[in-house]
């Protein structure tokens, strides 16, 4: 059985790490698994970039080309959007690799255009890491539910027109995907419900298989040692905020965290606490948190991420919408409790006041209370930390997740 995973990145970003872990888990089971990516960041010999020099050169520019149609929407919100209109010839490379099953993951930034899925001529499993597959182009629809009927009049674009680009994208997906043999997988029940209620995917088979994690890669490191290696202060409480484009992506909710930290600063934590941000370098405009803040940039290897989680006293996630966040899973596996808003698939990982704290969306006051709850009592912190690791060991072992995908592949192939 040959499986080809298709994702924009191999080991960068949450979806890239999730896809690569499935790929690794399948290889550990003796299954022939490969990855095809637009941008290769790791050294895995089973991961392939595009097969021509021109295609690899274009990969640098594809994300910018994909965004060109959005220039007509000057009032659009700063949220992640993908058009996937620019032509490519990926089907030919897939035919050469000759998989039995194509397993799609996150395929945007101009990587695969919408009509290509209809040309794969293989069973397709698609693990959704956000909402893009069933919307008119947005990855995080927020309060908009146009995707349940037909996109248009898009509030995220600031559009007043029914036939805007969200309608055009929705129509292309409907036209080219309706006869494509797609099996949808979502890591959380929340995203599965969204997909089942969407006009584009409501007739599809939808399975729920959570993301898994390598428990040998992500395990606790002694806190003082982790801080010494990363050059972090030993005497302060460290709050970790980990997200790509952490302060720029409005969905990540950094503005909610800023307000929460200012409250803690005013309550006397200003000289006892420090924020560390992973996922970007320091912004040109300084953040206003009321406490010291350091930016660690993008940590591309799992050893560095493990050290960052282990160095932290708490990981905080202030996202407006989330599926089943890898950063929460990784933090808990390293024994670091999590404070997050009670949204999306987050409650599948964080149990309120058991291994972390679920704050009321989108209350900076409650986010502040959650951080205080975790950090103000050492004995409580130790209990939360132990339960954090236990939760991941029981429910999110990468080997068990790979076995569930193996069973799904075998069933699909037996039905051909």
Protein backbone atom coordinates (compact mmCIF):
# COMPACT_ATOMS: atom_id res chain seq x y z
CA UNK A 1 0.00 0.00 0.00
CA UNK A 2 1.51 3.30 -1.14
CA UNK A 3 0.30 6.52 0.47
CA UNK A 4 1.19 10.00 -0.78
CA UNK A 5 0.65 12.88 1.64
CA UNK A 6 0.27 16.27 -0.02
CA UNK A 7 0.85 19.39 2.09
CA UNK A 8 2.28 22.82 1.41
CA UNK A 9 5.07 22.28 3.97
CA UNK A 10 6.56 19.15 5.49
CA UNK A 11 7.50 20.22 9.03
CA UNK A 12 6.50 23.88 9.26
CA UNK A 13 3.27 25.08 10.81
CA UNK A 14 0.69 23.02 12.67
CA UNK A 15 -0.71 21.26 9.60
CA UNK A 16 2.77 20.46 8.30
CA UNK A 17 3.84 18.91 11.59
CA UNK A 18 0.58 16.95 11.85
CA UNK A 19 0.93 15.59 8.30
CA UNK A 20 4.57 14.66 8.81
CA UNK A 21 3.73 12.79 12.03
CA UNK A 22 1.12 10.71 10.23
CA UNK A 23 3.66 10.03 7.47
CA UNK A 24 6.25 8.94 10.06
CA UNK A 25 3.73 6.83 11.94
CA UNK A 26 2.74 4.97 8.78
CA UNK A 27 6.38 4.29 7.94
CA UNK A 28 6.83 2.85 11.44
CA UNK A 29 3.99 0.43 10.60
CA UNK A 30 5.85 -0.71 7.48
CA UNK A 31 3.62 1.20 5.06
CA UNK A 32 5.20 2.89 2.04
CA UNK A 33 4.47 6.54 2.79
CA UNK A 34 5.78 9.61 0.95
CA UNK A 35 5.12 13.35 1.04
CA UNK A 36 4.84 15.88 -1.79
CA UNK A 37 5.26 19.49 -0.69
CA UNK A 38 5.65 22.95 -2.14
CA UNK A 39 8.33 23.96 0.37
CA UNK A 40 10.59 21.35 1.97
CA UNK A 41 12.09 22.39 5.31
CA UNK A 42 13.20 19.04 6.77
CA UNK A 43 15.65 16.36 5.67
CA UNK A 44 13.33 13.36 5.29
CA UNK A 45 14.30 11.41 2.14
CA UNK A 46 10.65 10.45 1.66
CA UNK A 47 9.60 14.08 1.19
CA UNK A 48 9.59 15.44 -2.37
CA UNK A 49 9.37 18.96 -3.74
CA UNK A 50 8.12 19.74 -7.24
CA UNK A 51 9.98 17.83 -9.93
CA UNK A 52 11.13 20.63 -12.25
CA UNK A 53 13.42 23.61 -11.71
CA UNK A 54 10.72 25.98 -12.97
CA UNK A 55 8.12 24.58 -10.56
CA UNK A 56 10.51 24.92 -7.63
CA UNK A 57 11.33 28.50 -8.61
CA UNK A 58 7.64 29.37 -8.96
CA UNK A 59 6.99 27.96 -5.49
CA UNK A 60 8.62 31.08 -4.04
CA UNK A 61 6.16 33.36 -5.83
CA UNK A 62 2.99 31.28 -5.75
CA UNK A 63 1.74 32.59 -2.37
CA UNK A 64 1.93 36.16 -3.69
CA UNK A 65 0.38 35.30 -7.06
CA UNK A 66 -2.47 33.56 -5.28
CA UNK A 67 -3.27 36.76 -3.37
CA UNK A 68 -3.47 39.03 -6.43
CA UNK A 69 -7.28 38.78 -6.92
CA UNK A 70 -7.78 39.96 -3.34
CA UNK A 71 -6.25 43.34 -4.16
CA UNK A 72 -9.67 44.35 -5.49
CA UNK A 73 -11.08 44.05 -1.95
CA UNK A 74 -9.54 46.96 -0.10
CA UNK A 75 -11.88 46.62 2.88
CA UNK A 76 -11.19 42.96 3.56
CA UNK A 77 -10.31 41.85 7.06
CA UNK A 78 -6.77 40.72 7.82
CA UNK A 79 -7.63 37.05 7.96
CA UNK A 80 -6.06 34.14 6.10
CA UNK A 81 -7.53 33.68 2.62
CA UNK A 82 -6.63 31.43 -0.32
CA UNK A 83 -7.92 31.64 -3.90
CA UNK A 84 -5.95 28.72 -5.42
CA UNK A 85 -6.43 29.85 -9.00
CA UNK A 86 -2.93 29.79 -10.50
CA UNK A 87 -2.32 26.83 -12.87
CA UNK A 88 0.07 24.04 -11.93
CA UNK A 89 0.90 20.55 -13.24
CA UNK A 90 1.05 18.59 -10.02
CA UNK A 91 -1.16 15.77 -11.33
CA UNK A 92 1.66 14.59 -13.60
CA UNK A 93 4.07 14.27 -10.67
CA UNK A 94 1.45 12.42 -8.64
CA UNK A 95 0.96 9.97 -11.50
CA UNK A 96 4.73 9.37 -11.54
CA UNK A 97 4.82 8.67 -7.79
CA UNK A 98 1.89 6.27 -8.38
CA UNK A 99 0.24 6.11 -4.94
CA UNK A 100 -2.70 3.90 -4.09
CA UNK A 101 -4.23 6.69 -2.03
CA UNK A 102 -3.64 10.44 -2.08
CA UNK A 103 -3.86 11.98 1.37
CA UNK A 104 -4.36 15.74 1.21
CA UNK A 105 -3.71 18.01 4.16
CA UNK A 106 -3.20 21.82 3.97
CA UNK A 107 -2.71 22.57 0.27
CA UNK A 108 -2.89 26.37 -0.01
CA UNK A 109 -0.46 29.27 -0.63
CA UNK A 110 -0.90 28.64 -4.35
CA UNK A 111 0.21 25.01 -4.14
CA UNK A 112 -2.73 23.19 -5.76
CA UNK A 113 -5.44 24.87 -7.77
CA UNK A 114 -9.04 23.87 -7.28
CA UNK A 115 -9.63 21.89 -10.52
CA UNK A 116 -6.60 19.64 -9.93
CA UNK A 117 -8.42 17.45 -7.41
CA UNK A 118 -10.72 16.21 -10.15
CA UNK A 119 -7.75 14.87 -12.14
CA UNK A 120 -6.06 12.71 -9.49
CA UNK A 121 -7.80 9.43 -10.51
CA UNK A 122 -7.14 7.91 -7.09
CA UNK A 123 -9.11 7.66 -3.84
CA UNK A 124 -8.51 10.89 -1.93
CA UNK A 125 -8.44 11.24 1.85
CA UNK A 126 -8.43 14.86 2.98
CA UNK A 127 -7.56 15.77 6.56
CA UNK A 128 -8.90 19.26 7.25
CA UNK A 129 -6.79 21.52 9.43
CA UNK A 130 -9.09 24.52 9.06
CA UNK A 131 -12.31 25.45 7.21
CA UNK A 132 -10.95 26.30 3.74
CA UNK A 133 -12.19 23.11 2.02
CA UNK A 134 -15.84 24.05 2.56
CA UNK A 135 -15.77 27.87 2.34
CA UNK A 136 -15.48 30.42 -0.44
CA UNK A 137 -11.80 30.98 0.33
CA UNK A 138 -11.46 31.91 3.99
CA UNK A 139 -9.67 29.59 6.40
CA UNK A 140 -11.42 30.90 9.51
CA UNK A 141 -15.02 32.02 8.83
CA UNK A 142 -15.59 33.37 12.33
CA UNK A 143 -19.27 34.16 12.81
CA UNK A 144 -20.08 33.95 9.09
CA UNK A 145 -22.12 30.90 8.10
CA UNK A 146 -22.57 31.61 4.39
CA UNK A 147 -20.74 28.36 3.67
CA UNK A 148 -23.84 26.48 4.82
CA UNK A 149 -25.70 27.67 1.72
CA UNK A 150 -23.55 29.44 -0.87
CA UNK A 151 -20.82 32.00 -0.38
CA UNK A 152 -21.19 35.59 -1.56
CA UNK A 153 -21.74 38.97 0.09
CA UNK A 154 -18.63 37.99 2.02
CA UNK A 155 -18.28 39.97 5.27
CA UNK A 156 -14.60 39.07 5.58
CA UNK A 157 -13.97 40.68 2.19
CA UNK A 158 -16.10 43.70 3.04
CA UNK A 159 -18.12 42.77 -0.07
CA UNK A 160 -21.64 43.98 -0.85
CA UNK A 161 -21.96 41.82 -3.96
CA UNK A 162 -23.45 38.33 -4.27
CA UNK A 163 -21.09 37.49 -7.13
CA UNK A 164 -17.84 38.34 -5.38
CA UNK A 165 -14.71 36.20 -5.41
CA UNK A 166 -16.02 34.05 -2.54
CA UNK A 167 -18.95 33.01 -4.77
CA UNK A 168 -16.55 32.33 -7.66
CA UNK A 169 -14.35 30.11 -5.45
CA UNK A 170 -17.39 28.32 -4.00
CA UNK A 171 -18.72 27.63 -7.51
CA UNK A 172 -15.36 26.26 -8.67
CA UNK A 173 -15.19 23.88 -5.72
CA UNK A 174 -18.76 22.74 -6.33
CA UNK A 175 -18.15 22.21 -10.05
CA UNK A 176 -14.81 20.40 -9.91
CA UNK A 177 -15.17 18.41 -6.67
CA UNK A 178 -18.71 17.07 -6.87
CA UNK A 179 -17.65 13.88 -8.68
CA UNK A 180 -14.26 13.51 -6.96
CA UNK A 181 -14.03 10.52 -4.54
CA UNK A 182 -13.26 12.47 -1.37
CA UNK A 183 -13.20 11.02 2.14
CA UNK A 184 -12.97 13.79 4.72
CA UNK A 185 -11.15 13.45 8.04
CA UNK A 186 -11.26 16.09 10.76
CA UNK A 187 -9.13 16.05 13.92
CA UNK A 188 -11.99 17.38 16.07
CA UNK A 189 -15.71 16.73 16.38
CA UNK A 190 -16.28 20.48 16.19
CA UNK A 191 -14.76 20.75 12.70
CA UNK A 192 -16.61 17.60 11.61
CA UNK A 193 -19.90 19.25 12.56
CA UNK A 194 -18.95 22.37 10.59
CA UNK A 195 -18.13 20.24 7.52
CA UNK A 196 -21.37 18.25 7.80
CA UNK A 197 -23.33 21.50 7.88
CA UNK A 198 -21.55 22.92 4.83
CA UNK A 199 -23.12 22.90 1.38
CA UNK A 200 -19.91 21.62 -0.22
CA UNK A 201 -19.14 18.63 2.04
CA UNK A 202 -22.45 17.63 3.60
CA UNK A 203 -22.83 14.60 1.30
CA UNK A 204 -19.30 13.33 1.94
CA UNK A 205 -18.12 10.60 4.28
CA UNK A 206 -16.63 12.41 7.27
CA UNK A 207 -14.48 10.66 9.89
CA UNK A 208 -12.98 12.07 13.09
CA UNK A 209 -9.36 11.05 13.75
CA UNK A 210 -7.37 13.32 16.07
CA UNK A 211 -3.85 14.46 15.39
CA UNK A 212 -1.21 12.40 17.14
CA UNK A 213 2.11 13.23 18.71
CA UNK A 214 5.42 11.41 19.14
CA UNK A 215 5.66 11.04 22.91
CA UNK A 216 9.40 10.37 22.70
CA UNK A 217 10.00 13.65 20.87
CA UNK A 218 7.70 15.67 23.11
CA UNK A 219 8.39 14.89 26.75
CA UNK A 220 9.31 17.09 29.71
CA UNK A 221 12.80 18.54 30.05
CA UNK A 222 13.89 19.77 33.48
CA UNK A 223 12.78 23.42 33.60
CA UNK A 224 16.06 24.96 34.76
CA UNK A 225 18.00 23.06 32.10
CA UNK A 226 15.61 24.11 29.32
CA UNK A 227 15.83 27.75 30.37
CA UNK A 228 19.61 27.65 30.56
CA UNK A 229 19.88 26.24 27.03
CA UNK A 230 17.52 28.90 25.63
CA UNK A 231 19.04 31.74 27.65
CA UNK A 232 15.83 32.44 29.56
CA UNK A 233 15.56 33.85 33.10
CA UNK A 234 15.33 31.31 35.91
CA UNK A 235 13.50 33.46 38.44
CA UNK A 236 10.42 34.60 36.48
CA UNK A 237 7.18 32.88 35.58
CA UNK A 238 7.32 32.33 31.81
CA UNK A 239 4.20 32.49 29.64
CA UNK A 240 4.54 30.93 26.16
CA UNK A 241 2.51 32.13 23.17
CA UNK A 242 3.23 30.00 20.09
CA UNK A 243 1.73 30.75 16.67
CA UNK A 244 2.92 31.53 13.16
CA UNK A 245 2.67 35.31 12.63
CA UNK A 246 1.71 35.40 16.28
CA UNK A 247 0.93 39.11 16.68
CA UNK A 248 -0.34 39.73 13.13
CA UNK A 249 -2.88 36.94 12.58
CA UNK A 250 -6.11 38.28 14.08
CA UNK A 251 -7.44 34.75 14.58
CA UNK A 252 -4.63 34.06 17.06
CA UNK A 253 -6.05 36.72 19.38
CA UNK A 254 -2.83 38.33 20.58
CA UNK A 255 -4.79 41.51 21.40
CA UNK A 256 -6.81 39.52 23.95
CA UNK A 257 -3.60 38.25 25.53
CA UNK A 258 -2.11 41.76 25.62
CA UNK A 259 -5.10 43.00 27.62
CA UNK A 260 -4.94 40.01 29.98
CA UNK A 261 -1.23 40.52 30.65
CA UNK A 262 -1.73 44.23 31.32
CA UNK A 263 -4.27 43.28 33.98
CA UNK A 264 -1.78 40.91 35.59
CA UNK A 265 0.90 43.58 35.45
CA UNK A 266 -1.37 46.01 37.28
CA UNK A 267 -2.11 43.28 39.84
CA UNK A 268 1.57 43.04 40.75
CA UNK A 269 2.99 40.49 38.29
CA UNK A 270 4.99 43.02 36.24
CA UNK A 271 8.35 42.07 37.76
CA UNK A 272 7.60 38.35 38.25
CA UNK A 273 6.42 37.31 34.79
CA UNK A 274 7.73 37.33 31.22
CA UNK A 275 6.09 36.53 27.88
CA UNK A 276 7.97 34.56 25.24
CA UNK A 277 6.58 34.43 21.71
CA UNK A 278 7.42 31.66 19.25
CA UNK A 279 6.47 31.95 15.59
CA UNK A 280 7.77 35.36 14.55
CA UNK A 281 10.51 37.88 15.23
CA UNK A 282 9.88 41.09 17.14
CA UNK A 283 7.37 43.37 15.36
CA UNK A 284 8.32 46.89 14.29
CA UNK A 285 5.72 48.33 16.69
CA UNK A 286 6.44 47.17 20.26
CA UNK A 287 3.75 45.11 21.96
CA UNK A 288 1.91 46.56 24.95
CA UNK A 289 1.76 43.76 27.50
CA UNK A 290 2.87 45.54 30.66
CA UNK A 291 5.48 42.81 31.27
CA UNK A 292 8.79 41.97 29.58
CA UNK A 293 8.38 40.19 26.25
CA UNK A 294 10.94 38.34 24.13
CA UNK A 295 10.46 36.94 20.63
CA UNK A 296 12.24 33.66 19.91
CA UNK A 297 11.44 33.68 16.17
CA UNK A 298 10.40 30.59 14.23
CA UNK A 299 11.68 27.38 15.86
CA UNK A 300 11.82 24.87 13.01
CA UNK A 301 12.94 21.75 14.86
CA UNK A 302 11.10 19.72 17.45
CA UNK A 303 14.00 19.73 19.91
CA UNK A 304 13.84 23.53 20.17
CA UNK A 305 10.05 23.46 20.51
CA UNK A 306 10.30 20.85 23.25
CA UNK A 307 12.75 23.07 25.12
CA UNK A 308 10.46 26.09 24.76
CA UNK A 309 7.43 24.24 26.13
CA UNK A 310 9.47 22.77 28.98
CA UNK A 311 10.93 26.17 29.87
CA UNK A 312 7.45 27.70 30.16
CA UNK A 313 5.25 27.62 33.23
CA UNK A 314 2.13 27.92 31.09
CA UNK A 315 1.19 28.02 27.42
CA UNK A 316 -1.59 30.41 26.46
CA UNK A 317 -3.79 30.26 23.36
CA UNK A 318 -6.16 33.17 22.69
CA UNK A 319 -7.44 32.07 19.28
CA UNK A 320 -10.91 32.97 18.02
CA UNK A 321 -11.26 29.61 16.23
CA UNK A 322 -9.11 26.48 16.44
CA UNK A 323 -9.41 22.91 15.25
CA UNK A 324 -7.26 20.59 17.40
CA UNK A 325 -4.17 22.73 18.00
CA UNK A 326 -0.78 21.04 17.82
CA UNK A 327 0.70 23.69 20.09
CA UNK A 328 -1.68 22.71 22.90
CA UNK A 329 -0.97 19.02 22.37
CA UNK A 330 2.79 19.60 22.35
CA UNK A 331 2.65 21.75 25.47
CA UNK A 332 0.61 19.20 27.42
CA UNK A 333 2.94 16.39 26.31
CA UNK A 334 5.83 18.38 27.80
CA UNK A 335 3.92 18.72 31.07
CA UNK A 336 3.10 22.41 30.65
CA UNK A 337 -0.51 23.40 31.48
CA UNK A 338 -2.51 25.43 28.95
CA UNK A 339 -4.83 28.41 29.31
CA UNK A 340 -7.08 28.90 26.27
CA UNK A 341 -10.46 30.14 25.18
CA UNK A 342 -13.21 27.51 25.17
CA UNK A 343 -13.56 27.37 21.37
CA UNK A 344 -13.57 24.80 18.56
CA UNK A 345 -11.65 21.62 19.33
CA UNK A 346 -9.74 23.09 22.29
CA UNK A 347 -11.97 21.39 24.94
CA UNK A 348 -10.96 18.00 23.50
CA UNK A 349 -7.46 18.73 24.85
CA UNK A 350 -7.84 21.12 27.78
CA UNK A 351 -10.03 20.04 30.69
CA UNK A 352 -11.06 23.00 32.80
CA UNK A 353 -9.05 23.26 36.04
CA UNK A 354 -7.79 19.69 35.49
CA UNK A 355 -4.85 20.09 33.10
CA UNK A 356 -5.33 23.78 32.35
CA UNK A 357 -7.98 26.46 32.22
CA UNK A 358 -10.75 27.15 29.68
CA UNK A 359 -11.53 30.86 29.59
CA UNK A 360 -14.83 32.30 28.45
CA UNK A 361 -14.58 33.48 24.82
CA UNK A 362 -13.37 36.21 24.36
CA UNK A 363 -12.85 37.60 27.82
CA UNK A 364 -9.42 39.02 28.55
CA UNK A 365 -10.51 39.18 32.20
CA UNK A 366 -11.08 35.42 32.32
CA UNK A 367 -7.88 34.78 30.37
CA UNK A 368 -6.09 36.77 33.07
CA UNK A 369 -7.87 34.76 35.78
CA UNK A 370 -6.79 31.54 34.07
CA UNK A 371 -3.14 32.55 34.03
CA UNK A 372 -3.35 33.50 37.69
CA UNK A 373 -5.05 30.17 38.48
CA UNK A 374 -2.20 28.19 36.92
CA UNK A 375 0.71 30.30 38.17
CA UNK A 376 -0.22 31.39 41.68
CA UNK A 377 -0.04 28.02 43.47
CA UNK A 378 3.00 25.72 43.08
CA UNK A 379 1.25 22.61 44.38
CA UNK A 380 -1.68 23.16 42.02
CA UNK A 381 0.76 23.69 39.13
CA UNK A 382 2.39 20.32 39.81
CA UNK A 383 -0.99 18.58 39.72
CA UNK A 384 -1.95 20.30 36.46
CA UNK A 385 1.42 19.41 34.94
CA UNK A 386 1.15 15.70 35.74
CA UNK A 387 -2.38 15.47 34.38
CA UNK A 388 -1.31 17.31 31.22
CA UNK A 389 1.11 14.58 30.17
CA UNK A 390 -1.28 11.79 31.20
CA UNK A 391 -4.03 13.15 28.92
CA UNK A 392 -1.82 13.04 25.83
CA UNK A 393 -0.42 9.59 26.62
CA UNK A 394 -3.94 8.16 26.89
CA UNK A 395 -5.58 9.73 23.86
CA UNK A 396 -3.12 11.14 21.32
CA UNK A 397 -0.28 8.65 20.85
CA UNK A 398 0.96 9.00 17.25
CA UNK A 399 1.31 5.23 16.75
CA UNK A 400 -2.35 4.64 17.58
CA UNK A 401 -3.43 7.46 15.25
CA UNK A 402 -1.39 5.95 12.39
CA UNK A 403 -3.15 2.62 12.94
CA UNK A 404 -6.54 4.32 12.58
CA UNK A 405 -5.47 5.84 9.26
CA UNK A 406 -4.17 2.46 8.11
CA UNK A 407 -7.58 0.93 8.80
CA UNK A 408 -9.30 3.71 6.85
CA UNK A 409 -6.97 3.28 3.84
CA UNK A 410 -7.51 -0.48 3.80
CA UNK A 411 -11.26 -0.05 3.88
CA UNK A 412 -11.23 2.46 1.02
CA UNK A 413 -9.03 0.22 -1.13
CA UNK A 414 -11.24 -2.80 -0.45
CA UNK A 415 -14.26 -0.85 -1.70
CA UNK A 416 -12.74 0.06 -5.08
